[in-house]
């Protein structure tokens, strides 16, 4: 089975179909909204996270400014709460520094497990709170 681009459909870290991470802002190595990966994705942009201010500051200190808009790349800059496909190694580095952002497991590609232990992902799983119905 393949996605609309012809790439094999991804699986998430829970073993199910890979869900979208974000269409606004548009994320993913292939800018398809998903944390898909392939041979050209040297950084393994496979962890779908809801970025936090602490993580954005951490990433900036590591030389990767994810907050500043870059119109030439059609990138509006990230704000806390945005979902974004992060490099697995950077997420692990943030985890080890105590500033890892929450992870959307259903949208995190199984390839992230080559770098990040499942235990760490589970410990930082983002759980959407149900909305109250009337």
N, C-alpha and C. Protein backbone atom coordinates (compact mmCIF):
# COMPACT_ATOMS: atom_id res chain seq x y z
N UNK A 1 0.85 -1.18 0.00
CA UNK A 1 0.00 0.00 0.00
C UNK A 1 0.89 1.24 0.00
N UNK A 2 0.50 2.29 -0.74
CA UNK A 2 1.29 3.51 -0.79
C UNK A 2 0.40 4.72 -0.59
N UNK A 3 1.06 5.86 -0.26
CA UNK A 3 0.30 7.09 -0.06
C UNK A 3 0.10 7.77 -1.42
N UNK A 4 -0.49 8.97 -1.41
CA UNK A 4 -0.80 9.67 -2.66
C UNK A 4 0.44 10.06 -3.45
N UNK A 5 1.62 10.07 -2.83
CA UNK A 5 2.86 10.42 -3.53
C UNK A 5 3.52 9.21 -4.16
N UNK A 6 2.99 8.02 -3.87
CA UNK A 6 3.59 6.80 -4.37
C UNK A 6 4.57 6.16 -3.39
N UNK A 7 4.87 6.85 -2.27
CA UNK A 7 5.74 6.28 -1.23
C UNK A 7 4.94 5.22 -0.46
N UNK A 8 5.62 4.21 0.06
CA UNK A 8 4.90 3.24 0.90
C UNK A 8 4.24 3.96 2.07
N UNK A 9 3.02 3.55 2.39
CA UNK A 9 2.30 4.15 3.52
C UNK A 9 3.06 3.87 4.80
N UNK A 10 3.24 4.90 5.62
CA UNK A 10 3.99 4.76 6.86
C UNK A 10 3.17 4.12 7.96
N UNK A 11 3.87 3.59 8.94
CA UNK A 11 3.27 3.04 10.14
C UNK A 11 3.72 3.88 11.31
N UNK A 12 2.88 3.99 12.32
CA UNK A 12 3.26 4.76 13.49
C UNK A 12 3.90 3.85 14.54
N UNK A 13 4.38 4.46 15.62
CA UNK A 13 5.09 3.70 16.66
C UNK A 13 4.17 2.75 17.43
N UNK A 14 2.87 2.89 17.25
CA UNK A 14 1.92 1.99 17.90
C UNK A 14 1.56 0.82 16.99
N UNK A 15 2.09 0.83 15.75
CA UNK A 15 1.85 -0.25 14.82
C UNK A 15 0.70 -0.01 13.86
N UNK A 16 0.02 1.12 13.99
CA UNK A 16 -1.10 1.44 13.12
C UNK A 16 -0.68 2.33 11.97
N UNK A 17 -1.65 2.73 11.14
CA UNK A 17 -1.34 3.63 10.03
C UNK A 17 -0.86 4.99 10.56
N UNK A 18 0.11 5.56 9.88
CA UNK A 18 0.65 6.86 10.27
C UNK A 18 -0.40 7.94 10.04
N UNK A 19 -0.72 8.68 11.08
CA UNK A 19 -1.69 9.77 10.98
C UNK A 19 -0.97 11.07 10.64
N UNK A 20 -1.70 12.04 10.16
CA UNK A 20 -1.12 13.35 9.85
C UNK A 20 -0.64 14.03 11.14
N UNK A 21 0.44 14.77 11.02
CA UNK A 21 0.96 15.54 12.14
C UNK A 21 0.41 16.97 12.09
N UNK A 22 0.61 17.66 10.95
CA UNK A 22 0.10 19.02 10.82
C UNK A 22 0.07 19.47 9.37
N UNK A 23 -1.04 20.09 9.01
CA UNK A 23 -1.15 20.74 7.70
C UNK A 23 -1.01 22.25 7.84
N UNK A 24 -1.13 22.77 9.06
CA UNK A 24 -0.97 24.20 9.32
C UNK A 24 -0.37 24.38 10.70
N UNK A 25 0.96 24.55 10.77
CA UNK A 25 1.88 24.69 9.65
C UNK A 25 2.12 23.34 8.95
N UNK A 26 2.40 23.42 7.65
CA UNK A 26 2.66 22.21 6.87
C UNK A 26 4.02 21.65 7.25
N UNK A 27 4.02 20.42 7.72
CA UNK A 27 5.23 19.81 8.26
C UNK A 27 5.61 18.56 7.48
N UNK A 28 6.69 17.95 7.92
CA UNK A 28 7.17 16.70 7.35
C UNK A 28 8.33 16.93 6.40
N UNK A 29 9.21 15.96 6.34
CA UNK A 29 10.36 16.05 5.43
C UNK A 29 9.90 16.27 4.00
N UNK A 30 8.78 15.64 3.63
CA UNK A 30 8.25 15.78 2.27
C UNK A 30 7.20 16.89 2.18
N UNK A 31 7.00 17.62 3.28
CA UNK A 31 5.97 18.66 3.37
C UNK A 31 4.62 18.12 2.89
N UNK A 32 4.29 16.95 3.46
CA UNK A 32 3.01 16.31 3.15
C UNK A 32 2.09 16.25 4.37
N UNK A 33 2.50 16.92 5.46
CA UNK A 33 1.70 16.94 6.67
C UNK A 33 1.95 15.76 7.60
N UNK A 34 2.74 14.79 7.13
CA UNK A 34 3.02 13.58 7.91
C UNK A 34 4.52 13.45 8.17
N UNK A 35 4.85 12.68 9.19
CA UNK A 35 6.26 12.45 9.54
C UNK A 35 6.82 11.27 8.77
N UNK A 36 6.52 11.22 7.46
CA UNK A 36 7.08 10.19 6.59
C UNK A 36 8.58 10.40 6.46
N UNK A 37 9.27 9.35 6.08
CA UNK A 37 10.72 9.41 5.94
C UNK A 37 11.14 8.60 4.73
N UNK A 38 12.36 8.77 4.33
CA UNK A 38 12.90 8.04 3.20
C UNK A 38 14.41 8.20 3.17
N UNK A 39 15.07 7.64 2.17
CA UNK A 39 16.53 7.66 2.11
C UNK A 39 17.15 9.07 2.17
N UNK A 40 16.48 10.08 1.64
CA UNK A 40 17.03 11.43 1.65
C UNK A 40 16.87 12.15 2.98
N UNK A 41 16.08 11.59 3.87
CA UNK A 41 15.80 12.23 5.17
C UNK A 41 16.88 11.85 6.18
N UNK A 42 18.03 12.48 6.02
CA UNK A 42 19.18 12.16 6.88
C UNK A 42 18.88 12.45 8.35
N UNK A 43 18.08 13.48 8.63
CA UNK A 43 17.76 13.84 10.01
C UNK A 43 16.65 13.03 10.64
N UNK A 44 16.00 12.15 9.88
CA UNK A 44 14.89 11.34 10.36
C UNK A 44 13.83 12.20 11.06
N UNK A 45 13.13 13.01 10.27
CA UNK A 45 12.07 13.89 10.77
C UNK A 45 10.82 13.06 11.04
N UNK A 46 10.87 12.26 12.08
CA UNK A 46 9.86 11.22 12.31
C UNK A 46 9.06 11.36 13.60
N UNK A 47 9.40 12.30 14.46
CA UNK A 47 8.70 12.46 15.74
C UNK A 47 7.71 13.62 15.63
N UNK A 48 6.43 13.32 15.72
CA UNK A 48 5.41 14.37 15.70
C UNK A 48 5.25 14.88 17.13
N UNK A 49 5.58 16.15 17.31
CA UNK A 49 5.52 16.73 18.65
C UNK A 49 4.69 18.01 18.66
N UNK A 50 4.11 18.31 19.80
CA UNK A 50 3.47 19.61 20.03
C UNK A 50 4.54 20.45 20.71
N UNK A 51 5.13 21.35 19.94
CA UNK A 51 6.28 22.09 20.46
C UNK A 51 5.88 22.98 21.63
N UNK A 52 6.83 23.19 22.51
CA UNK A 52 6.66 24.04 23.68
C UNK A 52 7.66 25.19 23.60
N UNK A 53 7.42 26.24 24.37
CA UNK A 53 8.39 27.34 24.42
C UNK A 53 9.75 26.83 24.87
N UNK A 54 9.77 25.96 25.87
CA UNK A 54 11.05 25.44 26.38
C UNK A 54 11.80 24.68 25.28
N UNK A 55 11.08 23.89 24.48
CA UNK A 55 11.75 23.17 23.41
C UNK A 55 12.24 24.13 22.33
N UNK A 56 11.43 25.11 21.96
CA UNK A 56 11.84 26.06 20.93
C UNK A 56 13.10 26.82 21.35
N UNK A 57 13.17 27.20 22.62
CA UNK A 57 14.38 27.87 23.14
C UNK A 57 15.57 26.91 23.10
N UNK A 58 15.36 25.67 23.49
CA UNK A 58 16.41 24.65 23.47
C UNK A 58 16.93 24.47 22.04
N UNK A 59 16.02 24.34 21.09
CA UNK A 59 16.40 24.14 19.69
C UNK A 59 17.18 25.34 19.17
N UNK A 60 16.77 26.55 19.53
CA UNK A 60 17.48 27.75 19.13
C UNK A 60 18.91 27.74 19.66
N UNK A 61 19.06 27.36 20.93
CA UNK A 61 20.41 27.29 21.53
C UNK A 61 21.27 26.24 20.83
N UNK A 62 20.63 25.24 20.22
CA UNK A 62 21.36 24.19 19.49
C UNK A 62 21.59 24.58 18.02
N UNK A 63 21.18 25.78 17.64
CA UNK A 63 21.43 26.27 16.29
C UNK A 63 20.32 26.05 15.29
N UNK A 64 19.15 25.61 15.75
CA UNK A 64 18.02 25.39 14.84
C UNK A 64 16.87 26.28 15.28
N UNK A 65 16.77 27.44 14.66
CA UNK A 65 15.73 28.42 14.98
C UNK A 65 14.43 28.03 14.29
N UNK A 66 13.51 27.51 15.06
CA UNK A 66 12.21 27.09 14.53
C UNK A 66 11.12 28.14 14.75
N UNK A 67 11.45 29.26 15.41
CA UNK A 67 10.46 30.27 15.75
C UNK A 67 10.40 31.43 14.75
N UNK A 68 11.51 31.73 14.12
CA UNK A 68 11.56 32.88 13.23
C UNK A 68 10.95 32.55 11.87
N UNK A 69 10.01 33.37 11.43
CA UNK A 69 9.43 33.14 10.10
C UNK A 69 10.51 33.22 9.01
N UNK A 70 10.38 32.34 8.02
CA UNK A 70 11.29 32.32 6.87
C UNK A 70 10.42 32.27 5.60
N UNK A 71 9.89 33.44 5.19
CA UNK A 71 8.98 33.47 4.05
C UNK A 71 9.57 32.85 2.78
N UNK A 72 10.88 32.96 2.61
CA UNK A 72 11.50 32.39 1.41
C UNK A 72 11.36 30.88 1.35
N UNK A 73 11.08 30.25 2.51
CA UNK A 73 10.85 28.80 2.57
C UNK A 73 9.38 28.50 2.86
N UNK A 74 8.52 29.52 2.76
CA UNK A 74 7.10 29.39 3.10
C UNK A 74 6.92 28.82 4.51
N UNK A 75 7.74 29.35 5.44
CA UNK A 75 7.72 28.89 6.83
C UNK A 75 7.36 30.08 7.71
N UNK A 76 6.24 29.98 8.41
CA UNK A 76 5.77 31.11 9.22
C UNK A 76 6.35 31.13 10.64
N UNK A 77 7.16 30.14 10.98
CA UNK A 77 7.72 30.07 12.33
C UNK A 77 6.76 29.34 13.25
N UNK A 78 7.31 28.58 14.17
CA UNK A 78 6.49 27.80 15.09
C UNK A 78 6.23 28.55 16.39
N UNK A 79 5.11 28.26 16.98
CA UNK A 79 4.72 28.79 18.29
C UNK A 79 4.33 27.59 19.16
N UNK A 80 4.43 27.78 20.46
CA UNK A 80 4.04 26.72 21.39
C UNK A 80 2.65 26.21 21.04
N UNK A 81 2.51 24.89 21.01
CA UNK A 81 1.24 24.25 20.67
C UNK A 81 1.17 23.76 19.24
N UNK A 82 2.04 24.31 18.36
CA UNK A 82 2.07 23.82 16.98
C UNK A 82 2.58 22.39 16.96
N UNK A 83 2.06 21.60 16.03
CA UNK A 83 2.57 20.24 15.83
C UNK A 83 3.59 20.29 14.70
N UNK A 84 4.70 19.55 14.87
CA UNK A 84 5.80 19.60 13.91
C UNK A 84 6.56 18.28 13.93
N UNK A 85 7.01 17.85 12.76
CA UNK A 85 7.83 16.64 12.67
C UNK A 85 9.26 16.99 13.02
N UNK A 86 9.71 16.51 14.15
CA UNK A 86 11.06 16.79 14.64
C UNK A 86 12.02 15.67 14.26
N UNK A 87 13.28 16.03 14.15
CA UNK A 87 14.33 15.03 13.98
C UNK A 87 14.36 14.18 15.24
N UNK A 88 14.42 12.88 15.05
CA UNK A 88 14.40 11.97 16.19
C UNK A 88 15.56 12.23 17.14
N UNK A 89 16.74 12.48 16.61
CA UNK A 89 17.91 12.72 17.47
C UNK A 89 17.76 14.01 18.27
N UNK A 90 17.16 15.06 17.68
CA UNK A 90 16.95 16.32 18.41
C UNK A 90 15.93 16.12 19.51
N UNK A 91 14.86 15.35 19.23
CA UNK A 91 13.87 15.10 20.27
C UNK A 91 14.53 14.34 21.42
N UNK A 92 15.34 13.33 21.09
CA UNK A 92 16.03 12.56 22.13
C UNK A 92 16.97 13.45 22.93
N UNK A 93 17.66 14.34 22.26
CA UNK A 93 18.56 15.28 22.94
C UNK A 93 17.76 16.16 23.91
N UNK A 94 16.59 16.63 23.47
CA UNK A 94 15.73 17.44 24.34
C UNK A 94 15.21 16.61 25.51
N UNK A 95 14.88 15.36 25.25
CA UNK A 95 14.43 14.45 26.30
C UNK A 95 15.51 14.31 27.37
N UNK A 96 16.72 14.09 26.93
CA UNK A 96 17.83 13.93 27.88
C UNK A 96 18.13 15.21 28.65
N UNK A 97 17.78 16.37 28.06
CA UNK A 97 17.97 17.65 28.73
C UNK A 97 16.76 18.07 29.56
N UNK A 98 15.70 17.26 29.54
CA UNK A 98 14.50 17.54 30.33
C UNK A 98 13.54 18.54 29.71
N UNK A 99 13.64 18.77 28.40
CA UNK A 99 12.75 19.73 27.74
C UNK A 99 12.04 19.14 26.52
N UNK A 100 11.87 17.84 26.49
CA UNK A 100 11.21 17.20 25.34
C UNK A 100 9.75 17.62 25.28
N UNK A 101 9.28 17.99 24.09
CA UNK A 101 7.86 18.33 23.96
C UNK A 101 7.01 17.06 23.88
N UNK A 102 5.73 17.20 24.17
CA UNK A 102 4.83 16.05 24.07
C UNK A 102 4.80 15.48 22.65
N UNK A 103 4.61 14.17 22.56
CA UNK A 103 4.64 13.44 21.29
C UNK A 103 3.25 12.94 20.95
N UNK A 104 2.88 13.09 19.67
CA UNK A 104 1.62 12.54 19.16
C UNK A 104 1.98 11.17 18.58
N UNK A 105 1.74 10.13 19.36
CA UNK A 105 2.19 8.78 19.00
C UNK A 105 1.60 8.29 17.68
N UNK A 106 0.34 8.57 17.43
CA UNK A 106 -0.31 8.09 16.21
C UNK A 106 0.28 8.72 14.95
N UNK A 107 0.96 9.86 15.12
CA UNK A 107 1.55 10.58 13.99
C UNK A 107 3.07 10.50 13.99
N UNK A 108 3.65 9.71 14.89
CA UNK A 108 5.10 9.53 14.95
C UNK A 108 5.47 8.26 14.20
N UNK A 109 6.33 8.41 13.20
CA UNK A 109 6.69 7.29 12.32
C UNK A 109 7.48 6.24 13.10
N UNK A 110 7.23 4.97 12.78
CA UNK A 110 7.91 3.87 13.46
C UNK A 110 9.43 3.95 13.32
N UNK A 111 9.94 4.63 12.30
CA UNK A 111 11.39 4.77 12.13
C UNK A 111 12.02 5.55 13.28
N UNK A 112 11.22 6.33 14.02
CA UNK A 112 11.75 7.06 15.17
C UNK A 112 12.33 6.10 16.21
N UNK A 113 11.81 4.87 16.23
CA UNK A 113 12.26 3.89 17.22
C UNK A 113 13.69 3.42 16.98
N UNK A 114 14.26 3.74 15.83
CA UNK A 114 15.68 3.44 15.59
C UNK A 114 16.57 4.32 16.44
N UNK A 115 16.02 5.46 16.88
CA UNK A 115 16.79 6.45 17.64
C UNK A 115 16.26 6.66 19.05
N UNK A 116 14.95 6.66 19.18
CA UNK A 116 14.29 7.01 20.44
C UNK A 116 13.65 5.77 21.06
N UNK A 117 13.93 5.48 22.32
CA UNK A 117 13.28 4.34 22.98
C UNK A 117 11.76 4.57 23.12
N UNK A 118 11.00 3.52 22.89
CA UNK A 118 9.54 3.61 23.01
C UNK A 118 9.15 4.10 24.40
N UNK A 119 9.87 3.68 25.41
CA UNK A 119 9.59 4.09 26.79
C UNK A 119 9.61 5.62 26.92
N UNK A 120 10.56 6.27 26.25
CA UNK A 120 10.66 7.74 26.30
C UNK A 120 9.47 8.38 25.59
N UNK A 121 9.10 7.81 24.43
CA UNK A 121 7.95 8.35 23.70
C UNK A 121 6.67 8.20 24.52
N UNK A 122 6.48 7.03 25.11
CA UNK A 122 5.28 6.80 25.92
C UNK A 122 5.22 7.75 27.12
N UNK A 123 6.36 8.02 27.72
CA UNK A 123 6.41 8.91 28.88
C UNK A 123 6.04 10.34 28.51
N UNK A 124 6.17 10.68 27.23
CA UNK A 124 5.87 12.04 26.78
C UNK A 124 4.70 12.09 25.81
N UNK A 125 3.87 11.07 25.84
CA UNK A 125 2.73 11.01 24.92
C UNK A 125 1.75 12.14 25.22
N UNK A 126 1.33 12.81 24.15
CA UNK A 126 0.32 13.85 24.27
C UNK A 126 -1.03 13.19 24.15
N UNK A 127 -1.87 13.48 25.10
CA UNK A 127 -3.23 12.92 25.10
C UNK A 127 -4.20 14.08 24.99
N UNK A 128 -4.98 14.06 23.93
CA UNK A 128 -5.96 15.11 23.74
C UNK A 128 -7.07 14.94 24.76
N UNK A 129 -7.38 16.00 25.45
CA UNK A 129 -8.45 15.95 26.43
C UNK A 129 -9.79 15.99 25.69
N UNK A 130 -10.70 15.11 26.07
CA UNK A 130 -12.02 15.11 25.42
C UNK A 130 -12.76 16.41 25.72
N UNK A 131 -13.52 16.86 24.74
CA UNK A 131 -14.32 18.08 24.95
C UNK A 131 -15.64 17.67 25.59
N UNK A 132 -16.14 18.53 26.42
CA UNK A 132 -17.41 18.26 27.09
C UNK A 132 -18.55 18.40 26.08
N UNK A 133 -19.45 17.47 26.12
CA UNK A 133 -20.63 17.57 25.24
C UNK A 133 -21.80 18.09 26.05
N UNK A 134 -22.70 18.73 25.36
CA UNK A 134 -23.86 19.31 26.06
C UNK A 134 -25.02 18.38 26.06
